[in-house]
Amino acid sequence: MGKRGPKPTPTAILERRGSWRANHRPDVGMQESLPELPACPEWVSFRGRQVWHVIGPIVVHLGLLTKEYVPTLGLTVDALAVYVERSEEAAKTPFCYETENGPKEHPIHRAADRARAEMRKWIAIWGLSPADVADISRPAEKEVSALDQFMAHSEAVN
């Protein structure tokens, strides 16, 4: 039997979109989203720790990170780190090499393709693809009055 359609959109995303469904969804057992990015788990790779500080604030800002999802974020940043490493290695390696039977694709390029596919799966779990984020409303920019602009310019000149 087939699967039932797309996965439900997280309530935090629905709220940012202004959807009526955000208020009518039972979030039974869900914890509150974390207000700030927690420490990276110890088991995350070195490169993954670097990615943690790039992806983590985005997920926190969207209100998607709870205590129960910290390990999932760790797996996500590790998948992104593997993708970056494989892509860098593939960029330095010729696509094909000669064998007795003719040219053959270098294995690192297949590894990079697999890492890319794995990374895309993890990004989709968080809803971070451009298609997923397109419908999210951005916070309004703070309007600066003409007086505030003048005062800031005056202080910069002095």
N, C-alpha and C. Protein backbone atom coordinates (compact mmCIF):
# COMPACT_ATOMS: atom_id res chain seq x y z
N MET A 1 0.85 -1.18 0.00
CA MET A 1 0.00 0.00 0.00
C MET A 1 0.89 1.24 0.00
N GLY A 2 0.52 2.26 -0.73
CA GLY A 2 1.31 3.47 -0.86
C GLY A 2 1.25 4.34 0.38
N LYS A 3 2.16 5.28 0.43
CA LYS A 3 2.18 6.23 1.55
C LYS A 3 1.11 7.29 1.34
N ARG A 4 0.76 7.98 2.38
CA ARG A 4 -0.32 8.94 2.35
C ARG A 4 0.14 10.33 1.94
N GLY A 5 0.59 10.72 0.96
CA GLY A 5 0.87 12.11 0.59
C GLY A 5 2.01 12.75 1.35
N PRO A 6 2.14 14.07 1.25
CA PRO A 6 3.27 14.77 1.86
C PRO A 6 3.18 14.80 3.38
N LYS A 7 4.34 14.94 4.02
CA LYS A 7 4.38 15.03 5.47
C LYS A 7 3.75 16.35 5.91
N PRO A 8 3.16 16.37 7.11
CA PRO A 8 2.55 17.61 7.59
C PRO A 8 3.60 18.71 7.77
N THR A 9 3.22 19.92 7.48
CA THR A 9 4.10 21.08 7.69
C THR A 9 4.17 21.36 9.18
N PRO A 10 5.37 21.60 9.72
CA PRO A 10 5.47 21.90 11.16
C PRO A 10 4.62 23.10 11.55
N THR A 11 4.05 23.04 12.74
CA THR A 11 3.16 24.10 13.23
C THR A 11 3.86 25.45 13.24
N ALA A 12 5.15 25.48 13.62
CA ALA A 12 5.88 26.75 13.65
C ALA A 12 5.92 27.39 12.26
N ILE A 13 6.06 26.58 11.23
CA ILE A 13 6.07 27.11 9.87
C ILE A 13 4.68 27.62 9.51
N LEU A 14 3.65 26.86 9.88
CA LEU A 14 2.28 27.30 9.59
C LEU A 14 1.98 28.64 10.26
N GLU A 15 2.46 28.82 11.50
CA GLU A 15 2.24 30.07 12.20
C GLU A 15 2.91 31.23 11.47
N ARG A 16 4.14 31.03 11.00
CA ARG A 16 4.85 32.09 10.29
C ARG A 16 4.20 32.42 8.96
N ARG A 17 3.51 31.44 8.37
CA ARG A 17 2.80 31.69 7.12
C ARG A 17 1.48 32.41 7.36
N GLY A 18 1.01 32.38 8.62
CA GLY A 18 -0.29 32.98 8.92
C GLY A 18 -1.44 32.05 8.62
N SER A 19 -1.19 30.76 8.61
CA SER A 19 -2.22 29.78 8.28
C SER A 19 -3.17 29.56 9.46
N TRP A 20 -4.43 29.37 9.16
CA TRP A 20 -5.43 29.08 10.18
C TRP A 20 -5.19 27.71 10.80
N ARG A 21 -4.52 26.83 10.08
CA ARG A 21 -4.30 25.47 10.57
C ARG A 21 -3.36 25.42 11.77
N ALA A 22 -2.55 26.43 11.94
CA ALA A 22 -1.60 26.45 13.05
C ALA A 22 -2.34 26.42 14.39
N ASN A 23 -3.50 27.06 14.45
CA ASN A 23 -4.26 27.11 15.71
C ASN A 23 -5.19 25.91 15.89
N HIS A 24 -5.38 25.13 14.86
CA HIS A 24 -6.31 24.00 14.93
C HIS A 24 -5.61 22.65 14.93
N ARG A 25 -4.32 22.64 15.12
CA ARG A 25 -3.57 21.39 15.08
C ARG A 25 -3.22 20.98 16.50
N PRO A 26 -3.54 19.74 16.86
CA PRO A 26 -3.16 19.29 18.20
C PRO A 26 -1.68 18.89 18.23
N ASP A 27 -0.87 19.68 18.90
CA ASP A 27 0.55 19.36 19.04
C ASP A 27 0.77 18.62 20.36
N VAL A 28 0.14 17.48 20.48
CA VAL A 28 0.21 16.69 21.69
C VAL A 28 1.62 16.14 21.85
N GLY A 29 2.19 16.37 23.01
CA GLY A 29 3.50 15.82 23.31
C GLY A 29 4.68 16.61 22.74
N MET A 30 4.42 17.70 22.03
CA MET A 30 5.51 18.49 21.47
C MET A 30 6.04 19.47 22.52
N GLN A 31 7.33 19.60 22.55
CA GLN A 31 7.95 20.54 23.48
C GLN A 31 8.02 21.91 22.84
N GLU A 32 8.26 22.90 23.67
CA GLU A 32 8.43 24.26 23.18
C GLU A 32 9.74 24.35 22.40
N SER A 33 9.75 25.19 21.38
CA SER A 33 10.98 25.36 20.62
C SER A 33 12.01 26.10 21.48
N LEU A 34 13.27 25.78 21.24
CA LEU A 34 14.36 26.37 22.03
C LEU A 34 14.58 27.82 21.61
N PRO A 35 14.81 28.71 22.59
CA PRO A 35 15.02 30.13 22.25
C PRO A 35 16.39 30.42 21.66
N GLU A 36 17.36 29.53 21.92
CA GLU A 36 18.70 29.73 21.37
C GLU A 36 19.31 28.38 21.04
N LEU A 37 20.35 28.43 20.25
CA LEU A 37 21.02 27.21 19.79
C LEU A 37 21.79 26.57 20.94
N PRO A 38 21.50 25.30 21.25
CA PRO A 38 22.25 24.63 22.31
C PRO A 38 23.65 24.25 21.83
N ALA A 39 24.44 23.74 22.76
CA ALA A 39 25.78 23.27 22.41
C ALA A 39 25.67 22.09 21.45
N CYS A 40 26.62 22.00 20.57
CA CYS A 40 26.66 20.92 19.58
C CYS A 40 26.97 19.60 20.29
N PRO A 41 26.27 18.52 19.96
CA PRO A 41 26.58 17.22 20.59
C PRO A 41 28.03 16.81 20.33
N GLU A 42 28.62 16.10 21.29
CA GLU A 42 30.03 15.72 21.20
C GLU A 42 30.31 14.79 20.02
N TRP A 43 29.36 14.00 19.60
CA TRP A 43 29.59 13.01 18.56
C TRP A 43 29.59 13.60 17.15
N VAL A 44 29.25 14.87 17.00
CA VAL A 44 29.24 15.51 15.68
C VAL A 44 30.69 15.74 15.24
N SER A 45 30.97 15.49 13.96
CA SER A 45 32.32 15.64 13.42
C SER A 45 32.79 17.09 13.48
N PHE A 46 34.11 17.28 13.28
CA PHE A 46 34.68 18.62 13.32
C PHE A 46 34.02 19.53 12.28
N ARG A 47 33.93 19.08 11.05
CA ARG A 47 33.31 19.88 9.99
C ARG A 47 31.83 20.07 10.30
N GLY A 48 31.18 19.05 10.87
CA GLY A 48 29.78 19.17 11.25
C GLY A 48 29.56 20.25 12.30
N ARG A 49 30.53 20.40 13.20
CA ARG A 49 30.42 21.46 14.22
C ARG A 49 30.46 22.84 13.57
N GLN A 50 31.23 22.98 12.51
CA GLN A 50 31.27 24.26 11.80
C GLN A 50 29.92 24.53 11.14
N VAL A 51 29.32 23.50 10.55
CA VAL A 51 28.02 23.65 9.89
C VAL A 51 26.92 23.89 10.93
N TRP A 52 27.09 23.33 12.13
CA TRP A 52 26.12 23.50 13.23
C TRP A 52 25.84 24.99 13.46
N HIS A 53 26.89 25.80 13.42
CA HIS A 53 26.75 27.23 13.71
C HIS A 53 26.20 28.01 12.51
N VAL A 54 26.04 27.36 11.38
CA VAL A 54 25.43 28.00 10.21
C VAL A 54 23.96 27.61 10.12
N ILE A 55 23.67 26.31 10.19
CA ILE A 55 22.30 25.81 10.05
C ILE A 55 21.49 25.98 11.34
N GLY A 56 22.14 25.80 12.47
CA GLY A 56 21.45 25.87 13.76
C GLY A 56 20.67 27.15 13.98
N PRO A 57 21.28 28.33 13.79
CA PRO A 57 20.52 29.56 14.00
C PRO A 57 19.30 29.70 13.07
N ILE A 58 19.40 29.15 11.89
CA ILE A 58 18.26 29.21 10.96
C ILE A 58 17.10 28.39 11.51
N VAL A 59 17.41 27.18 11.97
CA VAL A 59 16.38 26.29 12.51
C VAL A 59 15.78 26.87 13.79
N VAL A 60 16.61 27.49 14.63
CA VAL A 60 16.11 28.12 15.85
C VAL A 60 15.21 29.30 15.49
N HIS A 61 15.64 30.12 14.54
CA HIS A 61 14.86 31.30 14.12
C HIS A 61 13.48 30.89 13.59
N LEU A 62 13.43 29.77 12.88
CA LEU A 62 12.15 29.30 12.35
C LEU A 62 11.28 28.63 13.42
N GLY A 63 11.83 28.44 14.63
CA GLY A 63 11.07 27.84 15.71
C GLY A 63 10.90 26.34 15.57
N LEU A 64 11.82 25.67 14.89
CA LEU A 64 11.71 24.23 14.64
C LEU A 64 12.51 23.38 15.60
N LEU A 65 13.45 23.96 16.32
CA LEU A 65 14.34 23.17 17.17
C LEU A 65 13.80 23.03 18.58
N THR A 66 13.57 21.79 18.98
CA THR A 66 13.20 21.47 20.35
C THR A 66 14.30 20.57 20.92
N LYS A 67 14.25 20.31 22.23
CA LYS A 67 15.26 19.44 22.83
C LYS A 67 15.28 18.07 22.17
N GLU A 68 14.11 17.59 21.78
CA GLU A 68 14.03 16.26 21.19
C GLU A 68 14.60 16.20 19.77
N TYR A 69 14.75 17.36 19.11
CA TYR A 69 15.27 17.39 17.74
C TYR A 69 16.75 17.75 17.64
N VAL A 70 17.42 17.96 18.76
CA VAL A 70 18.85 18.29 18.73
C VAL A 70 19.66 17.17 18.07
N PRO A 71 19.42 15.88 18.38
CA PRO A 71 20.17 14.83 17.67
C PRO A 71 19.89 14.82 16.16
N THR A 72 18.67 15.14 15.76
CA THR A 72 18.35 15.20 14.33
C THR A 72 19.13 16.32 13.66
N LEU A 73 19.27 17.44 14.34
CA LEU A 73 20.08 18.52 13.79
C LEU A 73 21.54 18.08 13.70
N GLY A 74 22.02 17.32 14.66
CA GLY A 74 23.39 16.80 14.61
C GLY A 74 23.60 15.90 13.41
N LEU A 75 22.65 15.03 13.13
CA LEU A 75 22.74 14.16 11.95
C LEU A 75 22.69 14.98 10.67
N THR A 76 21.88 16.04 10.67
CA THR A 76 21.77 16.90 9.50
C THR A 76 23.09 17.60 9.19
N VAL A 77 23.70 18.19 10.21
CA VAL A 77 24.95 18.92 9.96
C VAL A 77 26.08 17.95 9.59
N ASP A 78 26.05 16.74 10.13
CA ASP A 78 27.05 15.75 9.72
C ASP A 78 26.86 15.37 8.25
N ALA A 79 25.62 15.22 7.81
CA ALA A 79 25.36 14.91 6.40
C ALA A 79 25.83 16.05 5.51
N LEU A 80 25.61 17.28 5.93
CA LEU A 80 26.08 18.43 5.17
C LEU A 80 27.61 18.47 5.13
N ALA A 81 28.24 18.13 6.24
CA ALA A 81 29.70 18.12 6.30
C ALA A 81 30.28 17.06 5.36
N VAL A 82 29.67 15.89 5.33
CA VAL A 82 30.13 14.83 4.43
C VAL A 82 29.98 15.29 2.99
N TYR A 83 28.87 15.93 2.67
CA TYR A 83 28.66 16.43 1.32
C TYR A 83 29.75 17.43 0.92
N VAL A 84 30.07 18.35 1.81
CA VAL A 84 31.10 19.35 1.51
C VAL A 84 32.45 18.66 1.29
N GLU A 85 32.79 17.71 2.16
CA GLU A 85 34.07 17.01 2.02
C GLU A 85 34.15 16.23 0.71
N ARG A 86 33.09 15.49 0.38
CA ARG A 86 33.09 14.72 -0.86
C ARG A 86 33.13 15.62 -2.09
N SER A 87 32.42 16.72 -2.04
CA SER A 87 32.41 17.66 -3.17
C SER A 87 33.78 18.29 -3.38
N GLU A 88 34.43 18.66 -2.30
CA GLU A 88 35.77 19.23 -2.41
C GLU A 88 36.74 18.22 -3.01
N GLU A 89 36.65 16.98 -2.55
CA GLU A 89 37.53 15.94 -3.06
C GLU A 89 37.22 15.64 -4.54
N ALA A 90 35.94 15.62 -4.90
CA ALA A 90 35.56 15.35 -6.29
C ALA A 90 36.01 16.47 -7.21
N ALA A 91 36.02 17.71 -6.72
CA ALA A 91 36.45 18.83 -7.55
C ALA A 91 37.93 18.74 -7.92
N LYS A 92 38.72 18.06 -7.10
CA LYS A 92 40.14 17.91 -7.36
C LYS A 92 40.47 16.68 -8.20
N THR A 93 39.46 15.83 -8.44
CA THR A 93 39.69 14.55 -9.10
C THR A 93 39.06 14.55 -10.48
N PRO A 94 39.79 14.03 -11.48
CA PRO A 94 39.18 13.92 -12.81
C PRO A 94 37.95 13.02 -12.77
N PHE A 95 36.97 13.34 -13.61
CA PHE A 95 35.72 12.58 -13.61
C PHE A 95 35.95 11.13 -14.04
N CYS A 96 36.80 10.92 -15.04
CA CYS A 96 37.04 9.57 -15.56
C CYS A 96 38.52 9.21 -15.46
N TYR A 97 38.77 7.93 -15.43
CA TYR A 97 40.14 7.43 -15.53
C TYR A 97 40.13 6.24 -16.48
N GLU A 98 41.26 5.98 -17.06
CA GLU A 98 41.38 4.91 -18.06
C GLU A 98 41.60 3.56 -17.40
N THR A 99 40.93 2.54 -17.94
CA THR A 99 41.14 1.16 -17.52
C THR A 99 41.36 0.33 -18.79
N GLU A 100 41.60 -0.95 -18.61
CA GLU A 100 41.77 -1.84 -19.76
C GLU A 100 40.50 -1.89 -20.61
N ASN A 101 39.37 -1.72 -19.99
CA ASN A 101 38.08 -1.80 -20.68
C ASN A 101 37.57 -0.43 -21.14
N GLY A 102 38.39 0.59 -21.03
CA GLY A 102 37.97 1.92 -21.45
C GLY A 102 37.81 2.86 -20.26
N PRO A 103 37.31 4.07 -20.49
CA PRO A 103 37.18 5.05 -19.40
C PRO A 103 36.13 4.62 -18.38
N LYS A 104 36.40 4.96 -17.13
CA LYS A 104 35.50 4.60 -16.03
C LYS A 104 35.35 5.81 -15.11
N GLU A 105 34.15 6.00 -14.59
CA GLU A 105 33.90 7.11 -13.66
C GLU A 105 34.67 6.87 -12.36
N HIS A 106 35.26 7.95 -11.86
CA HIS A 106 36.01 7.84 -10.59
C HIS A 106 35.01 7.65 -9.45
N PRO A 107 35.28 6.75 -8.50
CA PRO A 107 34.32 6.47 -7.41
C PRO A 107 33.99 7.67 -6.53
N ILE A 108 34.91 8.63 -6.41
CA ILE A 108 34.63 9.78 -5.55
C ILE A 108 33.46 10.59 -6.07
N HIS A 109 33.25 10.59 -7.38
CA HIS A 109 32.12 11.34 -7.94
C HIS A 109 30.79 10.67 -7.59
N ARG A 110 30.79 9.34 -7.58
CA ARG A 110 29.57 8.64 -7.11
C ARG A 110 29.33 8.90 -5.63
N ALA A 111 30.40 8.90 -4.86
CA ALA A 111 30.28 9.18 -3.42
C ALA A 111 29.73 10.60 -3.20
N ALA A 112 30.19 11.55 -4.00
CA ALA A 112 29.69 12.92 -3.88
C ALA A 112 28.20 12.99 -4.24
N ASP A 113 27.79 12.25 -5.26
CA ASP A 113 26.38 12.22 -5.63
C ASP A 113 25.52 11.61 -4.53
N ARG A 114 26.01 10.53 -3.92
CA ARG A 114 25.26 9.92 -2.81
C ARG A 114 25.19 10.87 -1.61
N ALA A 115 26.29 11.56 -1.32
CA ALA A 115 26.30 12.51 -0.21
C ALA A 115 25.33 13.66 -0.48
N ARG A 116 25.25 14.10 -1.73
CA ARG A 116 24.32 15.18 -2.10
C ARG A 116 22.87 14.73 -1.89
N ALA A 117 22.56 13.50 -2.30
CA ALA A 117 21.20 12.98 -2.13
C ALA A 117 20.86 12.86 -0.65
N GLU A 118 21.81 12.39 0.15
CA GLU A 118 21.58 12.25 1.60
C GLU A 118 21.38 13.63 2.23
N MET A 119 22.19 14.60 1.83
CA MET A 119 22.07 15.96 2.36
C MET A 119 20.70 16.55 2.02
N ARG A 120 20.25 16.34 0.80
CA ARG A 120 18.95 16.88 0.39
C ARG A 120 17.81 16.28 1.21
N LYS A 121 17.93 15.00 1.58
CA LYS A 121 16.90 14.37 2.43
C LYS A 121 16.84 15.06 3.79
N TRP A 122 18.00 15.32 4.38
CA TRP A 122 18.02 15.95 5.70
C TRP A 122 17.52 17.38 5.63
N ILE A 123 17.86 18.10 4.58
CA ILE A 123 17.37 19.47 4.42
C ILE A 123 15.84 19.47 4.28
N ALA A 124 15.31 18.49 3.56
CA ALA A 124 13.86 18.40 3.37
C ALA A 124 13.15 18.10 4.69
N ILE A 125 13.79 17.33 5.56
CA ILE A 125 13.18 17.04 6.86
C ILE A 125 12.92 18.33 7.63
N TRP A 126 13.85 19.26 7.56
CA TRP A 126 13.72 20.53 8.27
C TRP A 126 12.90 21.56 7.49
N GLY A 127 12.60 21.28 6.23
CA GLY A 127 11.85 22.24 5.43
C GLY A 127 12.68 23.44 5.03
N LEU A 128 13.97 23.22 4.74
CA LEU A 128 14.88 24.33 4.46
C LEU A 128 15.20 24.52 2.99
N SER A 129 14.49 23.84 2.11
CA SER A 129 14.74 24.07 0.69
C SER A 129 14.09 25.39 0.29
N PRO A 130 14.53 26.00 -0.80
CA PRO A 130 13.92 27.26 -1.23
C PRO A 130 12.41 27.15 -1.44
N ALA A 131 11.95 26.01 -1.92
CA ALA A 131 10.51 25.84 -2.13
C ALA A 131 9.77 25.82 -0.80
N ASP A 132 10.37 25.23 0.23
CA ASP A 132 9.73 25.16 1.53
C ASP A 132 9.69 26.52 2.21
N VAL A 133 10.75 27.30 2.07
CA VAL A 133 10.87 28.56 2.77
C VAL A 133 10.16 29.70 2.04
N ALA A 134 9.81 29.52 0.78
CA ALA A 134 9.24 30.61 -0.03
C ALA A 134 7.96 31.18 0.56
N ASP A 135 7.17 30.36 1.21
CA ASP A 135 5.88 30.83 1.72
C ASP A 135 5.95 31.43 3.12
N ILE A 136 7.13 31.42 3.72
CA ILE A 136 7.26 31.93 5.08
C ILE A 136 7.41 33.43 5.05
N SER A 137 6.61 34.11 5.86
CA SER A 137 6.72 35.57 5.88
C SER A 137 7.95 35.97 6.69
N ARG A 138 8.65 36.95 6.22
CA ARG A 138 9.84 37.46 6.90
C ARG A 138 9.40 38.51 7.92
N PRO A 139 10.14 38.63 9.04
CA PRO A 139 9.81 39.69 9.99
C PRO A 139 9.99 41.05 9.33
N ALA A 140 9.11 41.96 9.66
CA ALA A 140 9.15 43.28 9.05
C ALA A 140 10.42 44.01 9.49
N GLU A 141 11.01 44.73 8.54
CA GLU A 141 12.19 45.53 8.85
C GLU A 141 11.76 46.69 9.75
N LYS A 142 12.59 47.02 10.70
CA LYS A 142 12.28 48.15 11.57
C LYS A 142 12.44 49.43 10.77
N GLU A 143 11.39 50.24 10.75
CA GLU A 143 11.44 51.50 10.02
C GLU A 143 12.24 52.52 10.82
N VAL A 144 13.10 53.23 10.13
CA VAL A 144 13.93 54.26 10.76
C VAL A 144 13.40 55.61 10.30
N SER A 145 13.06 56.44 11.27
CA SER A 145 12.51 57.75 10.92
C SER A 145 13.61 58.64 10.36
N ALA A 146 13.19 59.71 9.70
CA ALA A 146 14.14 60.66 9.14
C ALA A 146 14.99 61.30 10.24
N LEU A 147 14.37 61.55 11.40
CA LEU A 147 15.09 62.14 12.52
C LEU A 147 16.18 61.18 13.01
N ASP A 148 15.86 59.89 13.13
CA ASP A 148 16.84 58.90 13.57
C ASP A 148 17.99 58.78 12.57
N GLN A 149 17.67 58.85 11.27
CA GLN A 149 18.72 58.80 10.25
C GLN A 149 19.63 60.02 10.37
N PHE A 150 19.02 61.18 10.56
CA PHE A 150 19.79 62.41 10.70
C PHE A 150 20.69 62.35 11.92
N MET A 151 20.14 61.88 13.05
CA MET A 151 20.92 61.79 14.29
C MET A 151 22.08 60.80 14.14
N ALA A 152 21.84 59.68 13.49
CA ALA A 152 22.89 58.70 13.30
C ALA A 152 23.99 59.26 12.40
N HIS A 153 23.58 59.99 11.36
CA HIS A 153 24.56 60.61 10.47
C HIS A 153 25.35 61.69 11.20
N SER A 154 24.68 62.48 12.04
CA SER A 154 25.35 63.55 12.80
C SER A 154 26.38 62.95 13.75
N GLU A 155 26.03 61.86 14.42
CA GLU A 155 26.96 61.23 15.35
C GLU A 155 28.15 60.63 14.62
N ALA A 156 27.93 60.11 13.42
CA ALA A 156 29.02 59.53 12.65
C ALA A 156 29.99 60.61 12.17
N VAL A 157 29.48 61.79 11.87
CA VAL A 157 30.33 62.88 11.40
C VAL A 157 31.18 63.42 12.53
N ASN A 158 30.60 63.51 13.73
CA ASN A 158 31.32 64.07 14.89
C ASN A 158 32.24 63.10 15.45
